[in-house]
Amino acid sequence: MPADPTADPALPAALPTWDDAARPTTTAYAEVDAAARAHGDHLRLIHDVYRDGLRRAAEVLGRVADGTAEVGEARSALHDVGLRAAYDQLGSFCGQLCRGIEVHHRIEDAHLYPALRAADEAELGAVLDRLVDEHDVVHALLLHLDEALLRLARPEAGPGDLAHLRHGFDHLVRLLESHFRYEEEQLGGALGVHRVPV
């Protein structure tokens, strides 16, 4: 998939992305009964856990940004220790969140999507292929985020490193939200109709 066309040219590399308009869709499962829809809604509930985690990570990242703005002005070791703790918290939390998203996607690729493909390849095949491709883009972005966190943890890290991390994180959040919505809209009904466990 192409690089992010909105990437800041001052940042080291364009980020991978996708074109939402090029996504295949299915309408075969748009009108399902309430029981089937409720079964499919379990996927949304799982995604909501990640949405909440991303919101919390953004809050921590905002606090790190606030602290970084003060680094040049502050000279106390106490402030530096507080900033290091914020970096450590961000790295630990983002690391856990990123691992969780990666595991979630690999489970979908290995179990959920094959079950749906077996149930209705003709209607869902192109959507499932696209979702797998999007998982690969998300994985590349998670690796980028991990590298940005490592750069930020260096003693010589500066505002540019934080900007790079923030840009990558914001891009990841935009793509994940788009991916989650697409997956929920396209697969929610099918999960219920075919009683595929989530």
N, C-alpha and C. Protein backbone atom coordinates (compact mmCIF):
# COMPACT_ATOMS: atom_id res chain seq x y z
N MET A 1 0.85 -1.17 0.00
CA MET A 1 0.00 0.00 0.00
C MET A 1 0.90 1.23 0.00
N PRO A 2 0.41 2.37 -0.47
CA PRO A 2 1.27 3.54 -0.65
C PRO A 2 1.64 4.21 0.66
N ALA A 3 2.62 5.11 0.55
CA ALA A 3 3.01 5.92 1.71
C ALA A 3 1.95 6.98 1.95
N ASP A 4 1.97 7.54 3.14
CA ASP A 4 1.02 8.57 3.55
C ASP A 4 1.25 9.84 2.75
N PRO A 5 0.30 10.25 1.89
CA PRO A 5 0.49 11.46 1.09
C PRO A 5 0.44 12.74 1.93
N THR A 6 -0.04 12.66 3.15
CA THR A 6 -0.12 13.85 4.00
C THR A 6 1.05 13.93 4.96
N ALA A 7 2.04 13.05 4.77
CA ALA A 7 3.18 13.02 5.70
C ALA A 7 3.92 14.35 5.68
N ASP A 8 4.38 14.75 6.84
CA ASP A 8 5.17 15.96 7.00
C ASP A 8 6.53 15.72 6.36
N PRO A 9 6.92 16.51 5.34
CA PRO A 9 8.20 16.27 4.67
C PRO A 9 9.40 16.46 5.59
N ALA A 10 9.23 17.14 6.72
CA ALA A 10 10.32 17.34 7.66
C ALA A 10 10.60 16.07 8.46
N LEU A 11 9.67 15.13 8.46
CA LEU A 11 9.85 13.89 9.20
C LEU A 11 10.64 12.91 8.34
N PRO A 12 11.36 11.98 8.98
CA PRO A 12 12.29 11.11 8.25
C PRO A 12 11.68 10.26 7.14
N ALA A 13 10.48 9.76 7.32
CA ALA A 13 9.94 8.85 6.30
C ALA A 13 8.43 8.98 6.21
N ALA A 14 7.94 8.79 4.98
CA ALA A 14 6.49 8.75 4.80
C ALA A 14 5.99 7.44 5.40
N LEU A 15 4.81 7.48 5.93
CA LEU A 15 4.24 6.32 6.61
C LEU A 15 3.34 5.54 5.67
N PRO A 16 3.31 4.21 5.81
CA PRO A 16 2.40 3.43 4.98
C PRO A 16 0.94 3.77 5.31
N THR A 17 0.10 3.65 4.31
CA THR A 17 -1.31 3.96 4.49
C THR A 17 -2.13 3.16 3.49
N TRP A 18 -3.39 3.48 3.36
CA TRP A 18 -4.25 2.87 2.36
C TRP A 18 -5.29 3.89 1.92
N ASP A 19 -5.98 3.55 0.83
CA ASP A 19 -7.03 4.39 0.28
C ASP A 19 -8.38 3.79 0.68
N ASP A 20 -9.09 4.48 1.57
CA ASP A 20 -10.40 3.98 2.02
C ASP A 20 -11.37 3.78 0.86
N ALA A 21 -11.29 4.65 -0.14
CA ALA A 21 -12.24 4.59 -1.25
C ALA A 21 -12.04 3.34 -2.11
N ALA A 22 -10.88 2.71 -2.03
CA ALA A 22 -10.60 1.52 -2.84
C ALA A 22 -11.04 0.23 -2.16
N ARG A 23 -11.65 0.34 -1.00
CA ARG A 23 -12.06 -0.86 -0.27
C ARG A 23 -13.25 -1.54 -0.94
N PRO A 24 -13.17 -2.87 -1.08
CA PRO A 24 -14.36 -3.59 -1.54
C PRO A 24 -15.40 -3.63 -0.42
N THR A 25 -16.64 -3.73 -0.80
CA THR A 25 -17.71 -3.79 0.21
C THR A 25 -18.69 -4.91 -0.16
N THR A 26 -19.47 -5.28 0.82
CA THR A 26 -20.54 -6.24 0.61
C THR A 26 -21.80 -5.68 1.27
N THR A 27 -22.92 -5.91 0.64
CA THR A 27 -24.19 -5.50 1.24
C THR A 27 -25.02 -6.73 1.62
N ALA A 28 -24.45 -7.90 1.43
CA ALA A 28 -25.20 -9.15 1.67
C ALA A 28 -25.65 -9.29 3.11
N TYR A 29 -24.93 -8.66 4.03
CA TYR A 29 -25.25 -8.82 5.45
C TYR A 29 -25.71 -7.52 6.10
N ALA A 30 -26.14 -6.58 5.28
CA ALA A 30 -26.57 -5.28 5.81
C ALA A 30 -27.87 -5.40 6.61
N GLU A 31 -28.75 -6.27 6.20
CA GLU A 31 -30.04 -6.44 6.87
C GLU A 31 -30.08 -7.81 7.53
N VAL A 32 -29.68 -7.87 8.79
CA VAL A 32 -29.73 -9.13 9.54
C VAL A 32 -30.59 -8.93 10.76
N ASP A 33 -31.06 -10.03 11.34
CA ASP A 33 -31.92 -9.91 12.51
C ASP A 33 -31.11 -9.46 13.73
N ALA A 34 -31.84 -9.07 14.76
CA ALA A 34 -31.21 -8.50 15.96
C ALA A 34 -30.26 -9.48 16.62
N ALA A 35 -30.60 -10.76 16.62
CA ALA A 35 -29.73 -11.75 17.26
C ALA A 35 -28.40 -11.87 16.52
N ALA A 36 -28.46 -11.87 15.20
CA ALA A 36 -27.23 -11.95 14.41
C ALA A 36 -26.40 -10.69 14.60
N ARG A 37 -27.04 -9.54 14.62
CA ARG A 37 -26.34 -8.27 14.82
C ARG A 37 -25.69 -8.24 16.20
N ALA A 38 -26.39 -8.71 17.22
CA ALA A 38 -25.84 -8.72 18.58
C ALA A 38 -24.60 -9.60 18.65
N HIS A 39 -24.65 -10.75 17.98
CA HIS A 39 -23.48 -11.64 17.96
C HIS A 39 -22.30 -10.93 17.30
N GLY A 40 -22.55 -10.26 16.20
CA GLY A 40 -21.50 -9.54 15.50
C GLY A 40 -20.99 -8.33 16.26
N ASP A 41 -21.82 -7.78 17.13
CA ASP A 41 -21.40 -6.60 17.91
C ASP A 41 -20.27 -6.91 18.88
N HIS A 42 -20.02 -8.17 19.14
CA HIS A 42 -18.91 -8.53 20.03
C HIS A 42 -17.58 -8.01 19.47
N LEU A 43 -17.44 -8.03 18.15
CA LEU A 43 -16.22 -7.50 17.53
C LEU A 43 -16.06 -6.02 17.85
N ARG A 44 -17.15 -5.27 17.78
CA ARG A 44 -17.10 -3.84 18.12
C ARG A 44 -16.67 -3.64 19.56
N LEU A 45 -17.18 -4.46 20.46
CA LEU A 45 -16.81 -4.35 21.87
C LEU A 45 -15.31 -4.59 22.07
N ILE A 46 -14.76 -5.55 21.35
CA ILE A 46 -13.31 -5.79 21.42
C ILE A 46 -12.56 -4.58 20.89
N HIS A 47 -13.02 -4.05 19.77
CA HIS A 47 -12.37 -2.85 19.20
C HIS A 47 -12.47 -1.68 20.17
N ASP A 48 -13.57 -1.58 20.89
CA ASP A 48 -13.73 -0.48 21.86
C ASP A 48 -12.66 -0.53 22.95
N VAL A 49 -12.22 -1.72 23.31
CA VAL A 49 -11.12 -1.83 24.28
C VAL A 49 -9.87 -1.18 23.71
N TYR A 50 -9.58 -1.45 22.44
CA TYR A 50 -8.40 -0.84 21.81
C TYR A 50 -8.60 0.66 21.61
N ARG A 51 -9.80 1.07 21.27
CA ARG A 51 -10.06 2.51 21.15
C ARG A 51 -9.77 3.22 22.47
N ASP A 52 -10.21 2.63 23.57
CA ASP A 52 -9.95 3.21 24.88
C ASP A 52 -8.45 3.24 25.16
N GLY A 53 -7.76 2.17 24.85
CA GLY A 53 -6.31 2.14 25.05
C GLY A 53 -5.60 3.20 24.23
N LEU A 54 -6.04 3.40 23.00
CA LEU A 54 -5.44 4.44 22.16
C LEU A 54 -5.70 5.83 22.74
N ARG A 55 -6.89 6.04 23.29
CA ARG A 55 -7.18 7.34 23.93
C ARG A 55 -6.26 7.56 25.13
N ARG A 56 -6.08 6.51 25.94
CA ARG A 56 -5.20 6.65 27.10
C ARG A 56 -3.75 6.87 26.67
N ALA A 57 -3.31 6.18 25.62
CA ALA A 57 -1.95 6.39 25.12
C ALA A 57 -1.78 7.82 24.62
N ALA A 58 -2.81 8.37 23.97
CA ALA A 58 -2.74 9.76 23.50
C ALA A 58 -2.62 10.72 24.67
N GLU A 59 -3.32 10.43 25.76
CA GLU A 59 -3.22 11.28 26.95
C GLU A 59 -1.80 11.25 27.52
N VAL A 60 -1.21 10.06 27.61
CA VAL A 60 0.16 9.96 28.11
C VAL A 60 1.12 10.68 27.17
N LEU A 61 0.92 10.50 25.87
CA LEU A 61 1.76 11.19 24.89
C LEU A 61 1.63 12.70 25.03
N GLY A 62 0.44 13.19 25.30
CA GLY A 62 0.25 14.62 25.54
C GLY A 62 1.02 15.10 26.76
N ARG A 63 1.04 14.31 27.81
CA ARG A 63 1.80 14.70 29.01
C ARG A 63 3.30 14.70 28.72
N VAL A 64 3.76 13.73 27.94
CA VAL A 64 5.17 13.72 27.56
C VAL A 64 5.49 14.97 26.75
N ALA A 65 4.60 15.32 25.84
CA ALA A 65 4.82 16.53 25.03
C ALA A 65 4.88 17.75 25.92
N ASP A 66 4.02 17.85 26.89
CA ASP A 66 4.07 18.98 27.82
C ASP A 66 5.39 19.01 28.56
N GLY A 67 5.85 17.87 29.01
CA GLY A 67 7.12 17.79 29.73
C GLY A 67 8.30 18.12 28.84
N THR A 68 8.26 17.70 27.60
CA THR A 68 9.36 17.97 26.68
C THR A 68 9.48 19.46 26.41
N ALA A 69 8.38 20.14 26.36
CA ALA A 69 8.42 21.58 26.12
C ALA A 69 9.12 22.31 27.25
N GLU A 70 9.13 21.71 28.42
CA GLU A 70 9.75 22.34 29.58
C GLU A 70 11.20 21.92 29.78
N VAL A 71 11.67 20.90 29.05
CA VAL A 71 13.01 20.38 29.29
C VAL A 71 14.07 21.45 29.12
N GLY A 72 13.95 22.25 28.06
CA GLY A 72 14.95 23.29 27.82
C GLY A 72 14.98 24.33 28.91
N GLU A 73 13.89 24.56 29.58
CA GLU A 73 13.80 25.59 30.61
C GLU A 73 14.14 25.04 32.00
N ALA A 74 13.80 23.82 32.22
CA ALA A 74 13.99 23.25 33.57
C ALA A 74 15.40 22.71 33.73
N ARG A 75 15.96 22.91 34.90
CA ARG A 75 17.32 22.43 35.14
C ARG A 75 17.39 21.49 36.31
N SER A 76 16.29 21.19 36.89
CA SER A 76 16.34 20.35 38.09
C SER A 76 16.36 18.88 37.71
N ALA A 77 17.11 18.12 38.45
CA ALA A 77 17.17 16.68 38.23
C ALA A 77 15.81 16.04 38.49
N LEU A 78 15.06 16.62 39.39
CA LEU A 78 13.75 16.08 39.71
C LEU A 78 12.85 16.10 38.48
N HIS A 79 12.89 17.22 37.75
CA HIS A 79 12.08 17.31 36.54
C HIS A 79 12.51 16.25 35.54
N ASP A 80 13.84 16.08 35.40
CA ASP A 80 14.34 15.08 34.45
C ASP A 80 13.88 13.69 34.84
N VAL A 81 13.89 13.39 36.13
CA VAL A 81 13.41 12.09 36.59
C VAL A 81 11.93 11.94 36.26
N GLY A 82 11.16 12.98 36.49
CA GLY A 82 9.74 12.93 36.17
C GLY A 82 9.50 12.72 34.69
N LEU A 83 10.31 13.36 33.86
CA LEU A 83 10.18 13.20 32.43
C LEU A 83 10.55 11.77 32.02
N ARG A 84 11.61 11.24 32.60
CA ARG A 84 12.01 9.87 32.29
C ARG A 84 10.89 8.90 32.67
N ALA A 85 10.26 9.13 33.80
CA ALA A 85 9.15 8.26 34.21
C ALA A 85 8.01 8.34 33.19
N ALA A 86 7.76 9.55 32.68
CA ALA A 86 6.71 9.70 31.67
C ALA A 86 7.09 8.94 30.39
N TYR A 87 8.36 9.05 29.97
CA TYR A 87 8.81 8.30 28.80
C TYR A 87 8.64 6.80 29.03
N ASP A 88 9.07 6.34 30.23
CA ASP A 88 8.96 4.92 30.54
C ASP A 88 7.50 4.48 30.53
N GLN A 89 6.62 5.29 31.09
CA GLN A 89 5.19 4.95 31.13
C GLN A 89 4.64 4.88 29.71
N LEU A 90 5.01 5.84 28.87
CA LEU A 90 4.52 5.85 27.50
C LEU A 90 5.01 4.60 26.77
N GLY A 91 6.31 4.30 26.91
CA GLY A 91 6.86 3.14 26.23
C GLY A 91 6.20 1.85 26.69
N SER A 92 6.04 1.71 27.98
CA SER A 92 5.44 0.50 28.52
C SER A 92 3.99 0.37 28.07
N PHE A 93 3.22 1.45 28.17
CA PHE A 93 1.81 1.39 27.81
C PHE A 93 1.65 1.17 26.31
N CYS A 94 2.38 1.94 25.51
CA CYS A 94 2.28 1.79 24.06
C CYS A 94 2.74 0.40 23.64
N GLY A 95 3.81 -0.08 24.29
CA GLY A 95 4.29 -1.41 23.95
C GLY A 95 3.23 -2.47 24.20
N GLN A 96 2.56 -2.38 25.32
CA GLN A 96 1.51 -3.35 25.64
C GLN A 96 0.34 -3.21 24.66
N LEU A 97 -0.06 -1.98 24.38
CA LEU A 97 -1.16 -1.75 23.46
C LEU A 97 -0.82 -2.25 22.07
N CYS A 98 0.38 -1.93 21.60
CA CYS A 98 0.79 -2.36 20.27
C CYS A 98 0.84 -3.88 20.17
N ARG A 99 1.37 -4.54 21.18
CA ARG A 99 1.38 -6.01 21.18
C ARG A 99 -0.04 -6.56 21.17
N GLY A 100 -0.93 -5.94 21.91
CA GLY A 100 -2.32 -6.39 21.95
C GLY A 100 -2.99 -6.28 20.59
N ILE A 101 -2.78 -5.16 19.91
CA ILE A 101 -3.36 -4.97 18.57
C ILE A 101 -2.79 -6.00 17.60
N GLU A 102 -1.49 -6.20 17.66
CA GLU A 102 -0.85 -7.17 16.77
C GLU A 102 -1.41 -8.57 17.00
N VAL A 103 -1.53 -8.99 18.24
CA VAL A 103 -2.08 -10.32 18.56
C VAL A 103 -3.53 -10.42 18.09
N HIS A 104 -4.32 -9.37 18.33
CA HIS A 104 -5.72 -9.34 17.89
C HIS A 104 -5.80 -9.57 16.38
N HIS A 105 -4.97 -8.88 15.61
CA HIS A 105 -5.01 -9.02 14.15
C HIS A 105 -4.54 -10.41 13.71
N ARG A 106 -3.54 -10.95 14.35
CA ARG A 106 -3.06 -12.28 13.97
C ARG A 106 -4.12 -13.35 14.28
N ILE A 107 -4.85 -13.18 15.36
CA ILE A 107 -5.95 -14.11 15.67
C ILE A 107 -7.03 -14.01 14.60
N GLU A 108 -7.37 -12.79 14.20
CA GLU A 108 -8.35 -12.63 13.12
C GLU A 108 -7.87 -13.32 11.85
N ASP A 109 -6.59 -13.09 11.50
CA ASP A 109 -6.04 -13.67 10.27
C ASP A 109 -6.04 -15.20 10.32
N ALA A 110 -5.76 -15.77 11.49
CA ALA A 110 -5.61 -17.22 11.60
C ALA A 110 -6.92 -17.95 11.85
N HIS A 111 -7.90 -17.29 12.47
CA HIS A 111 -9.12 -18.01 12.88
C HIS A 111 -10.42 -17.38 12.36
N LEU A 112 -10.61 -16.11 12.63
CA LEU A 112 -11.87 -15.45 12.29
C LEU A 112 -12.07 -15.38 10.78
N TYR A 113 -11.08 -14.86 10.06
CA TYR A 113 -11.24 -14.69 8.62
C TYR A 113 -11.37 -16.02 7.88
N PRO A 114 -10.57 -17.05 8.21
CA PRO A 114 -10.77 -18.33 7.53
C PRO A 114 -12.18 -18.91 7.76
N ALA A 115 -12.72 -18.73 8.96
CA ALA A 115 -14.08 -19.23 9.23
C ALA A 115 -15.10 -18.49 8.37
N LEU A 116 -14.95 -17.18 8.24
CA LEU A 116 -15.87 -16.42 7.39
C LEU A 116 -15.67 -16.76 5.92
N ARG A 117 -14.43 -16.95 5.52
CA ARG A 117 -14.14 -17.31 4.13
C ARG A 117 -14.77 -18.66 3.80
N ALA A 118 -14.69 -19.61 4.72
CA ALA A 118 -15.30 -20.93 4.50
C ALA A 118 -16.82 -20.82 4.41
N ALA A 119 -17.39 -19.89 5.16
CA ALA A 119 -18.85 -19.73 5.18
C ALA A 119 -19.37 -19.05 3.92
N ASP A 120 -18.61 -18.07 3.37
CA ASP A 120 -19.12 -17.30 2.23
C ASP A 120 -17.98 -16.61 1.48
N GLU A 121 -17.14 -17.40 0.84
CA GLU A 121 -16.00 -16.87 0.08
C GLU A 121 -16.47 -15.90 -1.00
N ALA A 122 -17.53 -16.23 -1.70
CA ALA A 122 -17.99 -15.41 -2.82
C ALA A 122 -18.32 -13.99 -2.39
N GLU A 123 -18.99 -13.84 -1.29
CA GLU A 123 -19.42 -12.52 -0.84
C GLU A 123 -18.36 -11.80 -0.01
N LEU A 124 -17.59 -12.52 0.76
CA LEU A 124 -16.68 -11.90 1.73
C LEU A 124 -15.20 -11.95 1.33
N GLY A 125 -14.84 -12.73 0.33
CA GLY A 125 -13.43 -12.95 0.00
C GLY A 125 -12.64 -11.67 -0.23
N ALA A 126 -13.15 -10.77 -1.06
CA ALA A 126 -12.42 -9.53 -1.36
C ALA A 126 -12.28 -8.64 -0.12
N VAL A 127 -13.32 -8.59 0.70
CA VAL A 127 -13.26 -7.79 1.93
C VAL A 127 -12.22 -8.38 2.88
N LEU A 128 -12.21 -9.69 3.02
CA LEU A 128 -11.25 -10.35 3.92
C LEU A 128 -9.82 -10.15 3.42
N ASP A 129 -9.62 -10.25 2.10
CA ASP A 129 -8.28 -9.99 1.55
C ASP A 129 -7.82 -8.58 1.88
N ARG A 130 -8.72 -7.62 1.73
CA ARG A 130 -8.38 -6.23 2.03
C ARG A 130 -8.04 -6.06 3.51
N LEU A 131 -8.82 -6.67 4.39
CA LEU A 131 -8.55 -6.56 5.82
C LEU A 131 -7.19 -7.14 6.19
N VAL A 132 -6.81 -8.25 5.57
CA VAL A 132 -5.48 -8.82 5.81
C VAL A 132 -4.40 -7.84 5.35
N ASP A 133 -4.59 -7.23 4.18
CA ASP A 133 -3.63 -6.22 3.71
C ASP A 133 -3.53 -5.06 4.69
N GLU A 134 -4.66 -4.62 5.23
CA GLU A 134 -4.64 -3.53 6.20
C GLU A 134 -3.92 -3.95 7.48
N HIS A 135 -4.05 -5.19 7.88
CA HIS A 135 -3.31 -5.68 9.05
C HIS A 135 -1.81 -5.54 8.82
N ASP A 136 -1.36 -5.80 7.59
CA ASP A 136 0.07 -5.66 7.28
C ASP A 136 0.51 -4.20 7.40
N VAL A 137 -0.32 -3.28 6.95
CA VAL A 137 0.01 -1.85 7.08
C VAL A 137 0.06 -1.46 8.55
N VAL A 138 -0.91 -1.91 9.33
CA VAL A 138 -0.92 -1.60 10.76
C VAL A 138 0.33 -2.16 11.42
N HIS A 139 0.72 -3.37 11.05
CA HIS A 139 1.94 -3.96 11.62
C HIS A 139 3.15 -3.09 11.30
N ALA A 140 3.26 -2.62 10.06
CA ALA A 140 4.38 -1.73 9.70
C ALA A 140 4.35 -0.45 10.53
N LEU A 141 3.17 0.08 10.76
CA LEU A 141 3.06 1.30 11.58
C LEU A 141 3.42 1.02 13.04
N LEU A 142 3.06 -0.14 13.55
CA LEU A 142 3.43 -0.49 14.93
C LEU A 142 4.95 -0.60 15.06
N LEU A 143 5.61 -1.16 14.05
CA LEU A 143 7.08 -1.21 14.06
C LEU A 143 7.66 0.19 14.03
N HIS A 144 7.07 1.06 13.21
CA HIS A 144 7.51 2.45 13.14
C HIS A 144 7.36 3.13 14.50
N LEU A 145 6.24 2.89 15.15
CA LEU A 145 5.99 3.49 16.46
C LEU A 145 6.99 2.99 17.49
N ASP A 146 7.30 1.70 17.44
CA ASP A 146 8.29 1.14 18.36
C ASP A 146 9.65 1.80 18.15
N GLU A 147 10.05 1.97 16.90
CA GLU A 147 11.33 2.64 16.60
C GLU A 147 11.31 4.08 17.09
N ALA A 148 10.20 4.77 16.92
CA ALA A 148 10.10 6.16 17.38
C ALA A 148 10.19 6.24 18.90
N LEU A 149 9.60 5.27 19.59
CA LEU A 149 9.70 5.23 21.05
C LEU A 149 11.14 5.00 21.49
N LEU A 150 11.86 4.13 20.79
CA LEU A 150 13.26 3.89 21.12
C LEU A 150 14.09 5.16 20.93
N ARG A 151 13.83 5.89 19.84
CA ARG A 151 14.54 7.16 19.61
C ARG A 151 14.23 8.16 20.71
N LEU A 152 12.98 8.20 21.14
CA LEU A 152 12.57 9.15 22.17
C LEU A 152 13.22 8.83 23.51
N ALA A 153 13.53 7.58 23.75
CA ALA A 153 14.11 7.18 25.04
C ALA A 153 15.60 7.49 25.13
N ARG A 154 16.24 7.86 24.03
CA ARG A 154 17.67 8.19 24.07
C ARG A 154 17.88 9.47 24.87
N PRO A 155 19.01 9.57 25.56
CA PRO A 155 19.29 10.79 26.33
C PRO A 155 19.33 12.05 25.46
N GLU A 156 19.76 11.91 24.21
CA GLU A 156 19.87 13.08 23.33
C GLU A 156 18.58 13.38 22.57
N ALA A 157 17.50 12.69 22.90
CA ALA A 157 16.23 12.91 22.21
C ALA A 157 15.77 14.35 22.38
N GLY A 158 15.14 14.86 21.34
CA GLY A 158 14.67 16.24 21.39
C GLY A 158 13.25 16.36 20.86
N PRO A 159 12.80 17.60 20.70
CA PRO A 159 11.43 17.84 20.24
C PRO A 159 11.12 17.20 18.88
N GLY A 160 12.12 17.10 18.01
CA GLY A 160 11.90 16.47 16.71
C GLY A 160 11.55 15.00 16.84
N ASP A 161 12.18 14.34 17.81
CA ASP A 161 11.87 12.93 18.05
C ASP A 161 10.44 12.77 18.56
N LEU A 162 10.04 13.68 19.42
CA LEU A 162 8.66 13.64 19.93
C LEU A 162 7.67 13.93 18.81
N ALA A 163 7.99 14.89 17.94
CA ALA A 163 7.11 15.21 16.81
C ALA A 163 6.98 14.00 15.89
N HIS A 164 8.09 13.31 15.67
CA HIS A 164 8.07 12.11 14.82
C HIS A 164 7.17 11.04 15.44
N LEU A 165 7.31 10.83 16.74
CA LEU A 165 6.47 9.86 17.44
C LEU A 165 5.00 10.27 17.36
N ARG A 166 4.73 11.53 17.62
CA ARG A 166 3.34 12.01 17.62
C ARG A 166 2.70 11.85 16.25
N HIS A 167 3.45 12.19 15.20
CA HIS A 167 2.93 12.06 13.84
C HIS A 167 2.59 10.59 13.54
N GLY A 168 3.51 9.69 13.88
CA GLY A 168 3.27 8.27 13.64
C GLY A 168 2.10 7.74 14.45
N PHE A 169 2.02 8.16 15.71
CA PHE A 169 0.92 7.70 16.57
C PHE A 169 -0.42 8.21 16.05
N ASP A 170 -0.49 9.50 15.71
CA ASP A 170 -1.75 10.06 15.21
C ASP A 170 -2.19 9.37 13.92
N HIS A 171 -1.22 9.07 13.06
CA HIS A 171 -1.53 8.37 11.81
C HIS A 171 -2.06 6.97 12.11
N LEU A 172 -1.42 6.28 13.04
CA LEU A 172 -1.87 4.94 13.43
C LEU A 172 -3.30 4.99 13.97
N VAL A 173 -3.59 5.95 14.82
CA VAL A 173 -4.94 6.07 15.39
C VAL A 173 -5.97 6.29 14.29
N ARG A 174 -5.67 7.18 13.33
CA ARG A 174 -6.61 7.43 12.22
C ARG A 174 -6.86 6.16 11.42
N LEU A 175 -5.79 5.46 11.08
CA LEU A 175 -5.96 4.25 10.27
C LEU A 175 -6.67 3.14 11.05
N LEU A 176 -6.31 2.97 12.31
CA LEU A 176 -6.98 1.92 13.09
C LEU A 176 -8.47 2.19 13.24
N GLU A 177 -8.84 3.44 13.50
CA GLU A 177 -10.27 3.73 13.63
C GLU A 177 -10.99 3.44 12.32
N SER A 178 -10.39 3.83 11.21
CA SER A 178 -10.97 3.54 9.91
C SER A 178 -11.07 2.03 9.69
N HIS A 179 -10.03 1.31 10.03
CA HIS A 179 -10.00 -0.15 9.88
C HIS A 179 -11.07 -0.81 10.76
N PHE A 180 -11.14 -0.39 12.01
CA PHE A 180 -12.14 -0.97 12.92
C PHE A 180 -13.55 -0.77 12.37
N ARG A 181 -13.87 0.46 11.93
CA ARG A 181 -15.21 0.74 11.41
C ARG A 181 -15.52 -0.11 10.18
N TYR A 182 -14.56 -0.18 9.27
CA TYR A 182 -14.73 -0.98 8.05
C TYR A 182 -14.99 -2.45 8.40
N GLU A 183 -14.19 -2.98 9.29
CA GLU A 183 -14.34 -4.38 9.68
C GLU A 183 -15.69 -4.62 10.35
N GLU A 184 -16.09 -3.73 11.25
CA GLU A 184 -17.38 -3.86 11.94
C GLU A 184 -18.54 -3.79 10.95
N GLU A 185 -18.47 -2.83 10.02
CA GLU A 185 -19.56 -2.66 9.05
C GLU A 185 -19.64 -3.84 8.08
N GLN A 186 -18.50 -4.32 7.63
CA GLN A 186 -18.49 -5.36 6.61
C GLN A 186 -18.66 -6.77 7.16
N LEU A 187 -18.20 -7.00 8.40
CA LEU A 187 -18.23 -8.36 8.93
C LEU A 187 -19.22 -8.58 10.07
N GLY A 188 -19.69 -7.52 10.70
CA GLY A 188 -20.56 -7.67 11.87
C GLY A 188 -21.75 -8.56 11.61
N GLY A 189 -22.48 -8.31 10.55
CA GLY A 189 -23.65 -9.13 10.22
C GLY A 189 -23.28 -10.55 9.86
N ALA A 190 -22.20 -10.71 9.09
CA ALA A 190 -21.77 -12.05 8.66
C ALA A 190 -21.36 -12.90 9.86
N LEU A 191 -20.71 -12.28 10.83
CA LEU A 191 -20.31 -13.03 12.03
C LEU A 191 -21.53 -13.63 12.72
N GLY A 192 -22.59 -12.84 12.80
CA GLY A 192 -23.81 -13.33 13.45
C GLY A 192 -24.55 -14.37 12.63
N VAL A 193 -24.70 -14.11 11.34
CA VAL A 193 -25.42 -15.05 10.47
C VAL A 193 -24.73 -16.42 10.47
N HIS A 194 -23.41 -16.42 10.40
CA HIS A 194 -22.66 -17.68 10.33
C HIS A 194 -22.22 -18.19 11.69
N ARG A 195 -22.60 -17.46 12.76
CA ARG A 195 -22.29 -17.85 14.15
C ARG A 195 -20.80 -18.13 14.33
N VAL A 196 -19.99 -17.24 13.77
CA VAL A 196 -18.53 -17.36 13.93
C VAL A 196 -18.16 -16.74 15.27
N PRO A 197 -17.53 -17.51 16.15
CA PRO A 197 -17.17 -16.95 17.46
C PRO A 197 -16.09 -15.88 17.34
N VAL A 198 -16.26 -14.84 18.13
CA VAL A 198 -15.29 -13.74 18.14
C VAL A 198 -14.54 -13.80 19.45
